N, C-alpha and C. Protein backbone atom coordinates (compact mmCIF):
# COMPACT_ATOMS: atom_id res chain seq x y z
N MET A 1 0.82 -1.09 -0.07
CA MET A 1 0.07 -0.04 0.08
C MET A 1 0.98 1.20 0.05
N HIS A 2 0.57 2.30 -0.81
CA HIS A 2 1.38 3.50 -0.84
C HIS A 2 0.64 4.48 -0.05
N VAL A 3 1.44 5.16 0.75
CA VAL A 3 1.02 6.26 1.73
C VAL A 3 1.63 7.52 1.27
N ARG A 4 0.90 8.60 1.04
CA ARG A 4 1.48 9.76 0.76
C ARG A 4 1.01 10.97 1.63
N ALA A 5 1.70 11.48 2.46
CA ALA A 5 1.38 12.55 3.34
C ALA A 5 1.47 13.86 2.41
N PRO A 6 0.97 14.88 3.07
CA PRO A 6 1.07 16.20 2.23
C PRO A 6 2.53 16.56 1.90
N THR A 7 2.80 17.19 0.80
CA THR A 7 4.10 17.62 0.34
C THR A 7 4.72 18.47 1.38
N GLY A 8 6.03 18.18 1.77
CA GLY A 8 6.71 18.98 2.81
C GLY A 8 6.67 18.32 4.14
N THR A 9 5.86 17.31 4.32
CA THR A 9 5.91 16.52 5.63
C THR A 9 7.29 15.92 5.84
N ARG A 10 7.74 16.06 7.08
CA ARG A 10 9.02 15.61 7.52
C ARG A 10 8.98 14.09 7.61
N ILE A 11 10.09 13.35 7.37
CA ILE A 11 10.12 11.86 7.30
C ILE A 11 9.68 11.39 8.66
N GLU A 12 10.00 12.05 9.71
CA GLU A 12 9.66 11.51 11.21
C GLU A 12 8.04 11.55 11.34
N GLU A 13 7.38 12.44 10.65
CA GLU A 13 5.82 12.48 10.71
C GLU A 13 5.38 11.48 9.76
N THR A 14 6.06 11.17 8.73
CA THR A 14 5.57 10.04 7.78
C THR A 14 5.74 8.77 8.46
N ALA A 15 6.74 8.62 9.26
CA ALA A 15 7.01 7.38 9.93
C ALA A 15 5.72 7.26 11.05
N ARG A 16 5.39 8.29 11.73
CA ARG A 16 4.30 8.22 12.64
C ARG A 16 3.04 7.87 11.94
N LEU A 17 2.77 8.44 10.75
CA LEU A 17 1.45 8.04 10.01
C LEU A 17 1.59 6.58 9.58
N CYS A 18 2.57 6.07 9.23
CA CYS A 18 2.73 4.70 8.92
C CYS A 18 2.52 3.75 10.15
N ASP A 19 2.99 4.20 11.40
CA ASP A 19 2.59 3.50 12.45
C ASP A 19 1.06 3.32 12.72
N LEU A 20 0.47 4.45 12.42
CA LEU A 20 -1.14 4.41 12.52
C LEU A 20 -1.64 3.42 11.52
N VAL A 21 -1.13 3.49 10.24
CA VAL A 21 -1.65 2.51 9.32
C VAL A 21 -1.42 1.22 9.71
N GLU A 22 -0.22 0.88 10.28
CA GLU A 22 0.04 -0.43 10.70
C GLU A 22 -0.88 -0.99 11.80
N GLN A 23 -1.17 -0.02 12.71
CA GLN A 23 -2.14 -0.40 13.82
C GLN A 23 -3.59 -0.74 13.23
N ALA A 24 -3.95 0.03 12.24
CA ALA A 24 -5.25 -0.25 11.62
C ALA A 24 -5.16 -1.65 10.84
N ILE A 25 -4.17 -1.94 10.25
CA ILE A 25 -4.07 -3.17 9.60
C ILE A 25 -4.05 -4.33 10.54
N ARG A 26 -3.27 -4.20 11.69
CA ARG A 26 -3.29 -5.19 12.72
C ARG A 26 -4.63 -5.51 13.39
N GLN A 27 -5.53 -4.47 13.42
CA GLN A 27 -6.88 -4.57 13.91
C GLN A 27 -7.74 -5.34 13.00
N ILE A 28 -7.47 -5.19 11.74
CA ILE A 28 -8.28 -5.97 10.74
C ILE A 28 -7.82 -7.47 10.42
N ILE A 29 -6.55 -7.67 10.38
CA ILE A 29 -5.99 -8.95 10.00
C ILE A 29 -5.59 -9.66 11.18
N PRO A 30 -6.08 -10.92 11.49
CA PRO A 30 -5.64 -11.54 12.59
C PRO A 30 -4.13 -11.92 12.60
N PRO A 31 -3.50 -11.96 13.81
CA PRO A 31 -2.07 -12.23 13.88
C PRO A 31 -1.68 -13.60 13.33
N VAL A 32 -2.57 -14.57 13.25
CA VAL A 32 -2.07 -15.84 12.74
C VAL A 32 -2.01 -15.78 11.17
N GLU A 33 -2.56 -14.65 10.54
CA GLU A 33 -2.47 -14.53 9.08
C GLU A 33 -1.37 -13.59 8.59
N MET A 34 -0.62 -12.99 9.57
CA MET A 34 0.27 -12.02 9.12
C MET A 34 1.63 -12.29 10.01
N ASP A 35 2.76 -12.17 9.33
CA ASP A 35 4.03 -12.26 10.06
C ASP A 35 4.49 -11.04 10.40
N ASN A 36 4.74 -10.15 9.32
CA ASN A 36 5.50 -8.90 9.50
C ASN A 36 4.86 -7.72 8.70
N ILE A 37 5.15 -6.59 8.96
CA ILE A 37 4.74 -5.36 8.16
C ILE A 37 6.02 -4.61 7.89
N VAL A 38 6.39 -4.21 6.72
CA VAL A 38 7.57 -3.54 6.38
C VAL A 38 7.12 -2.16 5.90
N ASP A 39 7.86 -1.08 6.41
CA ASP A 39 7.64 0.23 5.82
C ASP A 39 8.86 0.73 5.22
N ASN A 40 8.71 1.13 3.92
CA ASN A 40 9.80 1.77 3.13
C ASN A 40 9.38 3.16 3.16
N ILE A 41 10.08 4.14 3.75
CA ILE A 41 9.76 5.44 3.89
C ILE A 41 10.85 6.42 3.13
N GLY A 42 10.32 7.33 2.36
CA GLY A 42 11.25 8.28 1.72
C GLY A 42 11.79 7.76 0.42
N LEU A 43 12.79 8.37 -0.09
CA LEU A 43 13.41 8.01 -1.38
C LEU A 43 14.30 6.79 -1.24
N PRO A 44 14.32 5.93 -2.13
CA PRO A 44 15.19 4.68 -2.16
C PRO A 44 16.66 5.19 -2.30
N TYR A 45 17.60 4.35 -1.80
CA TYR A 45 19.04 4.55 -1.70
C TYR A 45 19.56 4.43 -3.17
N SER A 46 19.02 3.55 -3.99
CA SER A 46 19.56 3.35 -5.37
C SER A 46 18.40 3.01 -6.34
N GLY A 47 18.73 2.84 -7.53
CA GLY A 47 17.76 2.54 -8.78
C GLY A 47 17.36 1.10 -8.46
N ILE A 48 18.15 0.35 -7.89
CA ILE A 48 17.78 -1.13 -7.77
C ILE A 48 16.57 -1.25 -6.88
N ASN A 49 16.64 -0.47 -5.70
CA ASN A 49 15.45 -0.47 -4.84
C ASN A 49 14.25 0.16 -5.59
N MET A 50 14.35 1.05 -6.43
CA MET A 50 13.18 1.56 -7.09
C MET A 50 12.66 0.48 -8.16
N ALA A 51 13.54 -0.37 -8.64
CA ALA A 51 13.11 -1.32 -9.64
C ALA A 51 12.14 -2.34 -9.16
N TYR A 52 12.20 -2.48 -7.74
CA TYR A 52 11.35 -3.55 -7.06
C TYR A 52 10.18 -2.93 -6.51
N SER A 53 9.83 -1.60 -6.69
CA SER A 53 8.83 -0.97 -6.21
C SER A 53 7.87 -0.46 -7.40
N ASN A 54 6.52 -0.64 -7.33
CA ASN A 54 5.68 -0.27 -8.37
C ASN A 54 5.01 1.05 -8.08
N SER A 55 5.39 1.81 -7.06
CA SER A 55 4.85 3.14 -6.76
C SER A 55 5.85 4.24 -6.78
N GLY A 56 5.50 5.29 -7.27
CA GLY A 56 6.49 6.41 -7.36
C GLY A 56 6.58 7.19 -5.98
N THR A 57 7.76 7.35 -5.64
CA THR A 57 8.15 8.13 -4.42
C THR A 57 8.80 9.37 -4.85
N ILE A 58 8.34 10.50 -4.32
CA ILE A 58 8.92 11.85 -4.54
C ILE A 58 9.59 12.47 -3.49
N GLY A 59 9.51 11.89 -2.31
CA GLY A 59 10.19 12.54 -1.16
C GLY A 59 9.91 11.90 0.27
N PRO A 60 10.19 12.58 1.30
CA PRO A 60 10.06 12.06 2.57
C PRO A 60 8.54 11.84 3.02
N ALA A 61 7.68 12.37 2.18
CA ALA A 61 6.29 12.22 2.53
C ALA A 61 5.64 10.89 2.01
N ASP A 62 6.46 10.18 1.25
CA ASP A 62 6.07 9.00 0.64
C ASP A 62 6.51 7.76 1.45
N ALA A 63 5.60 6.59 1.42
CA ALA A 63 5.93 5.40 1.98
C ALA A 63 5.30 4.25 1.44
N ASP A 64 5.90 3.09 1.42
CA ASP A 64 5.28 1.87 1.01
C ASP A 64 5.11 0.88 2.20
N VAL A 65 3.95 0.49 2.47
CA VAL A 65 3.57 -0.30 3.68
C VAL A 65 3.26 -1.80 3.11
N CYS A 66 4.06 -2.66 3.36
CA CYS A 66 3.91 -4.03 2.80
C CYS A 66 3.72 -5.02 3.92
């Protein structure tokens, strides 16, 4: 799932928003059906990381929650 906060949001605030998204997901999906949730926040370090993502990231206000 792609999360996009308003442009100009600091990466720390985006991380806080991702925590809220994770909490909502954990309320819906039972623990026996889910092992982990991974948040990739901000711009990727290299083009290789971008190749494995199908959502466009433009800055620290973007995150992929998987």
